[in-house]
PDB file of all heavy atoms in Angstrom:
ATOM      1  N   THR A   1     -21.029  14.016 -66.338  1.00  0.00           N
ATOM      2  CA  THR A   1     -20.828  12.878 -67.239  1.00  0.00           C
ATOM      3  C   THR A   1     -21.155  11.553 -66.553  1.00  0.00           C
ATOM      4  O   THR A   1     -21.856  10.700 -67.102  1.00  0.00           O
ATOM      5  CB  THR A   1     -19.373  12.862 -67.740  1.00  0.00           C
ATOM      6  OG1 THR A   1     -19.124  14.066 -68.474  1.00  0.00           O
ATOM      7  CG2 THR A   1     -19.114  11.663 -68.632  1.00  0.00           C
ATOM      8  N   PHE A   2     -20.681  11.364 -65.326  1.00  0.00           N
ATOM      9  CA  PHE A   2     -20.895  10.105 -64.634  1.00  0.00           C
ATOM     10  C   PHE A   2     -22.308   9.974 -64.078  1.00  0.00           C
ATOM     11  O   PHE A   2     -22.813   8.866 -63.915  1.00  0.00           O
ATOM     12  CB  PHE A   2     -19.883   9.958 -63.486  1.00  0.00           C
ATOM     13  CG  PHE A   2     -18.557   9.402 -63.926  1.00  0.00           C
ATOM     14  CD1 PHE A   2     -17.598  10.230 -64.494  1.00  0.00           C
ATOM     15  CD2 PHE A   2     -18.269   8.065 -63.776  1.00  0.00           C
ATOM     16  CE1 PHE A   2     -16.377   9.724 -64.906  1.00  0.00           C
ATOM     17  CE2 PHE A   2     -17.054   7.541 -64.184  1.00  0.00           C
ATOM     18  CZ  PHE A   2     -16.103   8.380 -64.753  1.00  0.00           C
ATOM     19  N   SER A   3     -22.956  11.090 -63.785  1.00  0.00           N
ATOM     20  CA  SER A   3     -24.275  11.036 -63.148  1.00  0.00           C
ATOM     21  C   SER A   3     -25.394  10.703 -64.115  1.00  0.00           C
ATOM     22  O   SER A   3     -26.385  10.070 -63.726  1.00  0.00           O
ATOM     23  CB  SER A   3     -24.579  12.374 -62.462  1.00  0.00           C
ATOM     24  OG  SER A   3     -23.683  12.611 -61.418  1.00  0.00           O
ATOM     25  N   LEU A   4     -25.280  11.111 -65.378  1.00  0.00           N
ATOM     26  CA  LEU A   4     -26.384  10.952 -66.328  1.00  0.00           C
ATOM     27  C   LEU A   4     -26.074   9.971 -67.459  1.00  0.00           C
ATOM     28  O   LEU A   4     -26.788   9.948 -68.467  1.00  0.00           O
ATOM     29  CB  LEU A   4     -26.755  12.316 -66.933  1.00  0.00           C
ATOM     30  CG  LEU A   4     -27.156  13.425 -65.966  1.00  0.00           C
ATOM     31  CD1 LEU A   4     -27.629  14.653 -66.730  1.00  0.00           C
ATOM     32  CD2 LEU A   4     -28.241  12.962 -65.016  1.00  0.00           C
ATOM     33  N   ALA A   5     -25.052   9.157 -67.320  1.00  0.00           N
ATOM     34  CA  ALA A   5     -24.659   8.258 -68.412  1.00  0.00           C
ATOM     35  C   ALA A   5     -25.484   6.985 -68.479  1.00  0.00           C
ATOM     36  O   ALA A   5     -25.222   6.121 -69.306  1.00  0.00           O
ATOM     37  CB  ALA A   5     -23.168   7.905 -68.277  1.00  0.00           C
ATOM     38  N   GLN A   6     -26.497   6.858 -67.604  1.00  0.00           N
ATOM     39  CA  GLN A   6     -27.329   5.660 -67.628  1.00  0.00           C
ATOM     40  C   GLN A   6     -28.560   5.870 -68.519  1.00  0.00           C
ATOM     41  O   GLN A   6     -28.854   6.973 -68.964  1.00  0.00           O
ATOM     42  CB  GLN A   6     -27.766   5.282 -66.214  1.00  0.00           C
ATOM     43  CG  GLN A   6     -28.883   6.124 -65.625  1.00  0.00           C
ATOM     44  CD  GLN A   6     -28.481   7.516 -65.264  1.00  0.00           C
ATOM     45  OE1 GLN A   6     -29.050   8.486 -65.753  1.00  0.00           O
ATOM     46  NE2 GLN A   6     -27.467   7.679 -64.410  1.00  0.00           N
ATOM     47  N   VAL A   7     -29.297   4.789 -68.758  1.00  0.00           N
ATOM     48  CA  VAL A   7     -30.604   4.866 -69.415  1.00  0.00           C
ATOM     49  C   VAL A   7     -31.647   4.989 -68.320  1.00  0.00           C
ATOM     50  O   VAL A   7     -31.544   4.310 -67.292  1.00  0.00           O
ATOM     51  CB  VAL A   7     -30.874   3.624 -70.288  1.00  0.00           C
ATOM     52  CG1 VAL A   7     -32.158   3.798 -71.088  1.00  0.00           C
ATOM     53  CG2 VAL A   7     -29.696   3.374 -71.227  1.00  0.00           C
ATOM     54  N   GLY A   8     -32.665   5.842 -68.517  1.00  0.00           N
ATOM     55  CA  GLY A   8     -33.586   6.173 -67.438  1.00  0.00           C
ATOM     56  C   GLY A   8     -34.860   5.358 -67.388  1.00  0.00           C
ATOM     57  O   GLY A   8     -35.125   4.515 -68.249  1.00  0.00           O
ATOM     58  N   GLU A   9     -35.672   5.663 -66.350  1.00  0.00           N
ATOM     59  CA  GLU A   9     -36.894   4.902 -66.116  1.00  0.00           C
ATOM     60  C   GLU A   9     -37.944   5.089 -67.218  1.00  0.00           C
ATOM     61  O   GLU A   9     -38.753   4.191 -67.485  1.00  0.00           O
ATOM     62  CB  GLU A   9     -37.509   5.276 -64.757  1.00  0.00           C
ATOM     63  CG  GLU A   9     -37.755   6.749 -64.545  1.00  0.00           C
ATOM     64  CD  GLU A   9     -36.544   7.465 -63.977  1.00  0.00           C
ATOM     65  OE1 GLU A   9     -35.503   6.818 -63.761  1.00  0.00           O
ATOM     66  OE2 GLU A   9     -36.645   8.678 -63.752  1.00  0.00           O
ATOM     67  N   PHE A  10     -37.934   6.237 -67.896  1.00  0.00           N
ATOM     68  CA  PHE A  10     -38.905   6.438 -68.969  1.00  0.00           C
ATOM     69  C   PHE A  10     -38.621   5.527 -70.167  1.00  0.00           C
ATOM     70  O   PHE A  10     -39.487   5.331 -71.024  1.00  0.00           O
ATOM     71  CB  PHE A  10     -38.926   7.895 -69.416  1.00  0.00           C
ATOM     72  CG  PHE A  10     -39.697   8.786 -68.490  1.00  0.00           C
ATOM     73  CD1 PHE A  10     -39.057   9.787 -67.770  1.00  0.00           C
ATOM     74  CD2 PHE A  10     -41.062   8.632 -68.327  1.00  0.00           C
ATOM     75  CE1 PHE A  10     -39.765  10.602 -66.898  1.00  0.00           C
ATOM     76  CE2 PHE A  10     -41.778   9.445 -67.453  1.00  0.00           C
ATOM     77  CZ  PHE A  10     -41.129  10.429 -66.742  1.00  0.00           C
ATOM     78  N   ALA A  11     -37.421   4.958 -70.222  1.00  0.00           N
ATOM     79  CA  ALA A  11     -37.110   4.000 -71.286  1.00  0.00           C
ATOM     80  C   ALA A  11     -37.988   2.758 -71.175  1.00  0.00           C
ATOM     81  O   ALA A  11     -38.361   2.154 -72.187  1.00  0.00           O
ATOM     82  CB  ALA A  11     -35.636   3.606 -71.229  1.00  0.00           C
ATOM     83  N   PHE A  12     -38.341   2.357 -69.926  1.00  0.00           N
ATOM     84  CA  PHE A  12     -39.254   1.228 -69.755  1.00  0.00           C
ATOM     85  C   PHE A  12     -40.576   1.486 -70.474  1.00  0.00           C
ATOM     86  O   PHE A  12     -41.145   0.608 -71.110  1.00  0.00           O
ATOM     87  CB  PHE A  12     -39.516   0.971 -68.262  1.00  0.00           C
ATOM     88  CG  PHE A  12     -38.331   0.456 -67.502  1.00  0.00           C
ATOM     89  CD1 PHE A  12     -37.787   1.191 -66.465  1.00  0.00           C
ATOM     90  CD2 PHE A  12     -37.759  -0.771 -67.808  1.00  0.00           C
ATOM     91  CE1 PHE A  12     -36.695   0.722 -65.747  1.00  0.00           C
ATOM     92  CE2 PHE A  12     -36.671  -1.254 -67.103  1.00  0.00           C
ATOM     93  CZ  PHE A  12     -36.134  -0.499 -66.077  1.00  0.00           C
ATOM     94  N   VAL A  13     -41.068   2.738 -70.335  1.00  0.00           N
ATOM     95  CA  VAL A  13     -42.348   3.107 -70.963  1.00  0.00           C
ATOM     96  C   VAL A  13     -42.220   3.083 -72.482  1.00  0.00           C
ATOM     97  O   VAL A  13     -43.055   2.500 -73.185  1.00  0.00           O
ATOM     98  CB  VAL A  13     -42.786   4.497 -70.471  1.00  0.00           C
ATOM     99  CG1 VAL A  13     -44.090   4.914 -71.153  1.00  0.00           C
ATOM    100  CG2 VAL A  13     -42.942   4.521 -68.962  1.00  0.00           C
ATOM    101  N   LEU A  14     -41.178   3.723 -73.020  1.00  0.00           N
ATOM    102  CA  LEU A  14     -41.006   3.804 -74.472  1.00  0.00           C
ATOM    103  C   LEU A  14     -40.785   2.432 -75.100  1.00  0.00           C
ATOM    104  O   LEU A  14     -41.348   2.113 -76.161  1.00  0.00           O
ATOM    105  CB  LEU A  14     -39.831   4.726 -74.805  1.00  0.00           C
ATOM    106  CG  LEU A  14     -40.053   6.227 -74.600  1.00  0.00           C
ATOM    107  CD1 LEU A  14     -38.768   6.992 -74.869  1.00  0.00           C
ATOM    108  CD2 LEU A  14     -41.154   6.740 -75.508  1.00  0.00           C
ATOM    109  N   LEU A  15     -39.961   1.612 -74.465  1.00  0.00           N
ATOM    110  CA  LEU A  15     -39.666   0.283 -75.016  1.00  0.00           C
ATOM    111  C   LEU A  15     -40.909  -0.611 -75.010  1.00  0.00           C
ATOM    112  O   LEU A  15     -41.175  -1.331 -75.976  1.00  0.00           O
ATOM    113  CB  LEU A  15     -38.533  -0.370 -74.229  1.00  0.00           C
ATOM    114  CG  LEU A  15     -37.155   0.300 -74.362  1.00  0.00           C
ATOM    115  CD1 LEU A  15     -36.181  -0.265 -73.339  1.00  0.00           C
ATOM    116  CD2 LEU A  15     -36.601   0.121 -75.779  1.00  0.00           C
ATOM    117  N   SER A  16     -41.681  -0.556 -73.902  1.00  0.00           N
ATOM    118  CA  SER A  16     -42.904  -1.356 -73.832  1.00  0.00           C
ATOM    119  C   SER A  16     -43.917  -0.890 -74.871  1.00  0.00           C
ATOM    120  O   SER A  16     -44.596  -1.705 -75.514  1.00  0.00           O
ATOM    121  CB  SER A  16     -43.511  -1.266 -72.429  1.00  0.00           C
ATOM    122  OG  SER A  16     -42.619  -1.763 -71.467  1.00  0.00           O
ATOM    123  N   PHE A  17     -44.028   0.416 -75.055  1.00  0.00           N
ATOM    124  CA  PHE A  17     -44.938   0.977 -76.052  1.00  0.00           C
ATOM    125  C   PHE A  17     -44.512   0.555 -77.457  1.00  0.00           C
ATOM    126  O   PHE A  17     -45.338   0.165 -78.300  1.00  0.00           O
ATOM    127  CB  PHE A  17     -44.972   2.495 -75.909  1.00  0.00           C
ATOM    128  CG  PHE A  17     -46.005   3.176 -76.770  1.00  0.00           C
ATOM    129  CD1 PHE A  17     -47.105   2.493 -77.266  1.00  0.00           C
ATOM    130  CD2 PHE A  17     -45.872   4.521 -77.076  1.00  0.00           C
ATOM    131  CE1 PHE A  17     -48.057   3.129 -78.051  1.00  0.00           C
ATOM    132  CE2 PHE A  17     -46.813   5.164 -77.859  1.00  0.00           C
ATOM    133  CZ  PHE A  17     -47.910   4.470 -78.351  1.00  0.00           C
ATOM    134  N   ALA A  18     -43.202   0.609 -77.724  1.00  0.00           N
ATOM    135  CA  ALA A  18     -42.696   0.205 -79.039  1.00  0.00           C
ATOM    136  C   ALA A  18     -42.962  -1.279 -79.299  1.00  0.00           C
ATOM    137  O   ALA A  18     -43.250  -1.683 -80.434  1.00  0.00           O
ATOM    138  CB  ALA A  18     -41.200   0.496 -79.130  1.00  0.00           C
ATOM    139  N   PHE A  19     -42.882  -2.094 -78.250  1.00  0.00           N
ATOM    140  CA  PHE A  19     -43.190  -3.519 -78.403  1.00  0.00           C
ATOM    141  C   PHE A  19     -44.672  -3.723 -78.713  1.00  0.00           C
ATOM    142  O   PHE A  19     -45.043  -4.555 -79.567  1.00  0.00           O
ATOM    143  CB  PHE A  19     -42.793  -4.271 -77.136  1.00  0.00           C
ATOM    144  CG  PHE A  19     -43.180  -5.722 -77.133  1.00  0.00           C
ATOM    145  CD1 PHE A  19     -42.545  -6.632 -77.973  1.00  0.00           C
ATOM    146  CD2 PHE A  19     -44.206  -6.183 -76.312  1.00  0.00           C
ATOM    147  CE1 PHE A  19     -42.907  -7.970 -77.979  1.00  0.00           C
ATOM    148  CE2 PHE A  19     -44.577  -7.515 -76.319  1.00  0.00           C
ATOM    149  CZ  PHE A  19     -43.927  -8.410 -77.151  1.00  0.00           C
ATOM    150  N   GLN A  20     -45.541  -2.990 -78.034  1.00  0.00           N
ATOM    151  CA  GLN A  20     -46.974  -3.092 -78.286  1.00  0.00           C
ATOM    152  C   GLN A  20     -47.330  -2.664 -79.715  1.00  0.00           C
ATOM    153  O   GLN A  20     -48.282  -3.181 -80.307  1.00  0.00           O
ATOM    154  CB  GLN A  20     -47.742  -2.235 -77.276  1.00  0.00           C
ATOM    155  CG  GLN A  20     -47.684  -2.762 -75.861  1.00  0.00           C
ATOM    156  CD  GLN A  20     -48.219  -1.779 -74.846  1.00  0.00           C
ATOM    157  OE1 GLN A  20     -48.667  -0.686 -75.207  1.00  0.00           O
ATOM    158  NE2 GLN A  20     -48.168  -2.140 -73.579  1.00  0.00           N
ATOM    159  N   LEU A  21     -46.551  -1.749 -80.246  1.00  0.00           N
ATOM    160  CA  LEU A  21     -46.774  -1.279 -81.616  1.00  0.00           C
ATOM    161  C   LEU A  21     -46.082  -2.175 -82.648  1.00  0.00           C
ATOM    162  O   LEU A  21     -46.054  -1.844 -83.831  1.00  0.00           O
ATOM    163  CB  LEU A  21     -46.266   0.162 -81.763  1.00  0.00           C
ATOM    164  CG  LEU A  21     -47.015   1.225 -80.949  1.00  0.00           C
ATOM    165  CD1 LEU A  21     -46.276   2.556 -81.019  1.00  0.00           C
ATOM    166  CD2 LEU A  21     -48.440   1.385 -81.433  1.00  0.00           C
ATOM    167  N   ASN A  22     -45.495  -3.278 -82.176  1.00  0.00           N
ATOM    168  CA  ASN A  22     -44.800  -4.234 -83.048  1.00  0.00           C
ATOM    169  C   ASN A  22     -43.588  -3.623 -83.754  1.00  0.00           C
ATOM    170  O   ASN A  22     -43.192  -4.075 -84.824  1.00  0.00           O
ATOM    171  CB  ASN A  22     -45.760  -4.824 -84.097  1.00  0.00           C
ATOM    172  CG  ASN A  22     -46.837  -5.674 -83.455  1.00  0.00           C
ATOM    173  OD1 ASN A  22     -46.560  -6.517 -82.611  1.00  0.00           O
ATOM    174  ND2 ASN A  22     -48.081  -5.435 -83.832  1.00  0.00           N
ATOM    175  N   ILE A  23     -43.003  -2.591 -83.158  1.00  0.00           N
ATOM    176  CA  ILE A  23     -41.751  -2.042 -83.683  1.00  0.00           C
ATOM    177  C   ILE A  23     -40.592  -2.924 -83.229  1.00  0.00           C
ATOM    178  O   ILE A  23     -39.684  -3.235 -84.001  1.00  0.00           O
ATOM    179  CB  ILE A  23     -41.550  -0.591 -83.194  1.00  0.00           C
ATOM    180  CG1 ILE A  23     -42.684   0.304 -83.695  1.00  0.00           C
ATOM    181  CG2 ILE A  23     -40.211  -0.040 -83.665  1.00  0.00           C
ATOM    182  CD1 ILE A  23     -42.667   1.699 -83.109  1.00  0.00           C
ATOM    183  N   LEU A  24     -40.633  -3.333 -81.956  1.00  0.00           N
ATOM    184  CA  LEU A  24     -39.594  -4.192 -81.394  1.00  0.00           C
ATOM    185  C   LEU A  24     -40.088  -5.626 -81.304  1.00  0.00           C
ATOM    186  O   LEU A  24     -41.278  -5.871 -81.046  1.00  0.00           O
ATOM    187  CB  LEU A  24     -39.201  -3.718 -79.992  1.00  0.00           C
ATOM    188  CG  LEU A  24     -38.622  -2.313 -79.828  1.00  0.00           C
ATOM    189  CD1 LEU A  24     -38.284  -2.078 -78.366  1.00  0.00           C
ATOM    190  CD2 LEU A  24     -37.404  -2.118 -80.695  1.00  0.00           C
ATOM    191  N   GLU A  25     -39.174  -6.569 -81.496  1.00  0.00           N
ATOM    192  CA  GLU A  25     -39.472  -7.972 -81.252  1.00  0.00           C
ATOM    193  C   GLU A  25     -39.243  -8.283 -79.770  1.00  0.00           C
ATOM    194  O   GLU A  25     -38.610  -7.511 -79.046  1.00  0.00           O
ATOM    195  CB  GLU A  25     -38.578  -8.851 -82.118  1.00  0.00           C
ATOM    196  CG  GLU A  25     -38.803  -8.661 -83.610  1.00  0.00           C
ATOM    197  CD  GLU A  25     -37.842  -9.494 -84.444  1.00  0.00           C
ATOM    198  OE1 GLU A  25     -36.996 -10.189 -83.841  1.00  0.00           O
ATOM    199  OE2 GLU A  25     -37.938  -9.443 -85.689  1.00  0.00           O
ATOM    200  N   GLN A  26     -39.740  -9.442 -79.323  1.00  0.00           N
ATOM    201  CA  GLN A  26     -39.637  -9.815 -77.913  1.00  0.00           C
ATOM    202  C   GLN A  26     -38.187  -9.850 -77.448  1.00  0.00           C
ATOM    203  O   GLN A  26     -37.844  -9.322 -76.384  1.00  0.00           O
ATOM    204  CB  GLN A  26     -40.276 -11.182 -77.695  1.00  0.00           C
ATOM    205  CG  GLN A  26     -40.271 -11.645 -76.240  1.00  0.00           C
ATOM    206  CD  GLN A  26     -41.215 -10.853 -75.374  1.00  0.00           C
ATOM    207  OE1 GLN A  26     -42.389 -10.733 -75.689  1.00  0.00           O
ATOM    208  NE2 GLN A  26     -40.714 -10.305 -74.277  1.00  0.00           N
ATOM    209  N   GLU A  27     -37.309 -10.460 -78.225  1.00  0.00           N
ATOM    210  CA  GLU A  27     -35.897 -10.570 -77.835  1.00  0.00           C
ATOM    211  C   GLU A  27     -35.236  -9.203 -77.738  1.00  0.00           C
ATOM    212  O   GLU A  27     -34.474  -8.929 -76.801  1.00  0.00           O
ATOM    213  CB  GLU A  27     -35.146 -11.435 -78.851  1.00  0.00           C
ATOM    214  CG  GLU A  27     -33.677 -11.658 -78.480  1.00  0.00           C
ATOM    215  CD  GLU A  27     -32.940 -12.471 -79.520  1.00  0.00           C
ATOM    216  OE1 GLU A  27     -33.552 -12.825 -80.553  1.00  0.00           O
ATOM    217  OE2 GLU A  27     -31.747 -12.746 -79.306  1.00  0.00           O
ATOM    218  N   GLN A  28     -35.535  -8.321 -78.706  1.00  0.00           N
ATOM    219  CA  GLN A  28     -34.963  -6.976 -78.691  1.00  0.00           C
ATOM    220  C   GLN A  28     -35.423  -6.209 -77.456  1.00  0.00           C
ATOM    221  O   GLN A  28     -34.622  -5.530 -76.798  1.00  0.00           O
ATOM    222  CB  GLN A  28     -35.366  -6.230 -79.964  1.00  0.00           C
ATOM    223  CG  GLN A  28     -34.756  -6.804 -81.230  1.00  0.00           C
ATOM    224  CD  GLN A  28     -35.390  -6.220 -82.479  1.00  0.00           C
ATOM    225  OE1 GLN A  28     -36.512  -5.730 -82.457  1.00  0.00           O
ATOM    226  NE2 GLN A  28     -34.660  -6.293 -83.600  1.00  0.00           N
ATOM    227  N   MET A  29     -36.707  -6.313 -77.128  1.00  0.00           N
ATOM    228  CA  MET A  29     -37.203  -5.608 -75.950  1.00  0.00           C
ATOM    229  C   MET A  29     -36.581  -6.165 -74.677  1.00  0.00           C
ATOM    230  O   MET A  29     -36.175  -5.406 -73.783  1.00  0.00           O
ATOM    231  CB  MET A  29     -38.723  -5.706 -75.871  1.00  0.00           C
ATOM    232  CG  MET A  29     -39.293  -4.839 -74.735  1.00  0.00           C
ATOM    233  SD  MET A  29     -41.052  -5.052 -74.437  1.00  0.00           S
ATOM    234  CE  MET A  29     -41.071  -6.670 -73.693  1.00  0.00           C
ATOM    235  N   ASP A  30     -36.483  -7.490 -74.551  1.00  0.00           N
ATOM    236  CA  ASP A  30     -35.898  -8.092 -73.352  1.00  0.00           C
ATOM    237  C   ASP A  30     -34.457  -7.622 -73.143  1.00  0.00           C
ATOM    238  O   ASP A  30     -34.058  -7.280 -72.021  1.00  0.00           O
ATOM    239  CB  ASP A  30     -35.928  -9.617 -73.463  1.00  0.00           C
ATOM    240  CG  ASP A  30     -37.338 -10.186 -73.324  1.00  0.00           C
ATOM    241  OD1 ASP A  30     -38.214  -9.446 -72.816  1.00  0.00           O
ATOM    242  OD2 ASP A  30     -37.561 -11.336 -73.729  1.00  0.00           O
ATOM    243  N   ILE A  31     -33.685  -7.589 -74.215  1.00  0.00           N
ATOM    244  CA  ILE A  31     -32.288  -7.154 -74.115  1.00  0.00           C
ATOM    245  C   ILE A  31     -32.208  -5.702 -73.664  1.00  0.00           C
ATOM    246  O   ILE A  31     -31.437  -5.356 -72.757  1.00  0.00           O
ATOM    247  CB  ILE A  31     -31.567  -7.353 -75.471  1.00  0.00           C
ATOM    248  CG1 ILE A  31     -31.349  -8.832 -75.742  1.00  0.00           C
ATOM    249  CG2 ILE A  31     -30.227  -6.604 -75.474  1.00  0.00           C
ATOM    250  CD1 ILE A  31     -30.758  -9.128 -77.108  1.00  0.00           C
TER     251      ILE A  31
END
């Protein structure tokens, strides 16, 4: 439970991709 409760490095890839696809706004991605 304690070891995997974080968000991982692949989230950087998915979030950046979602921003490029205009799914996320700049503020949402930054947060």
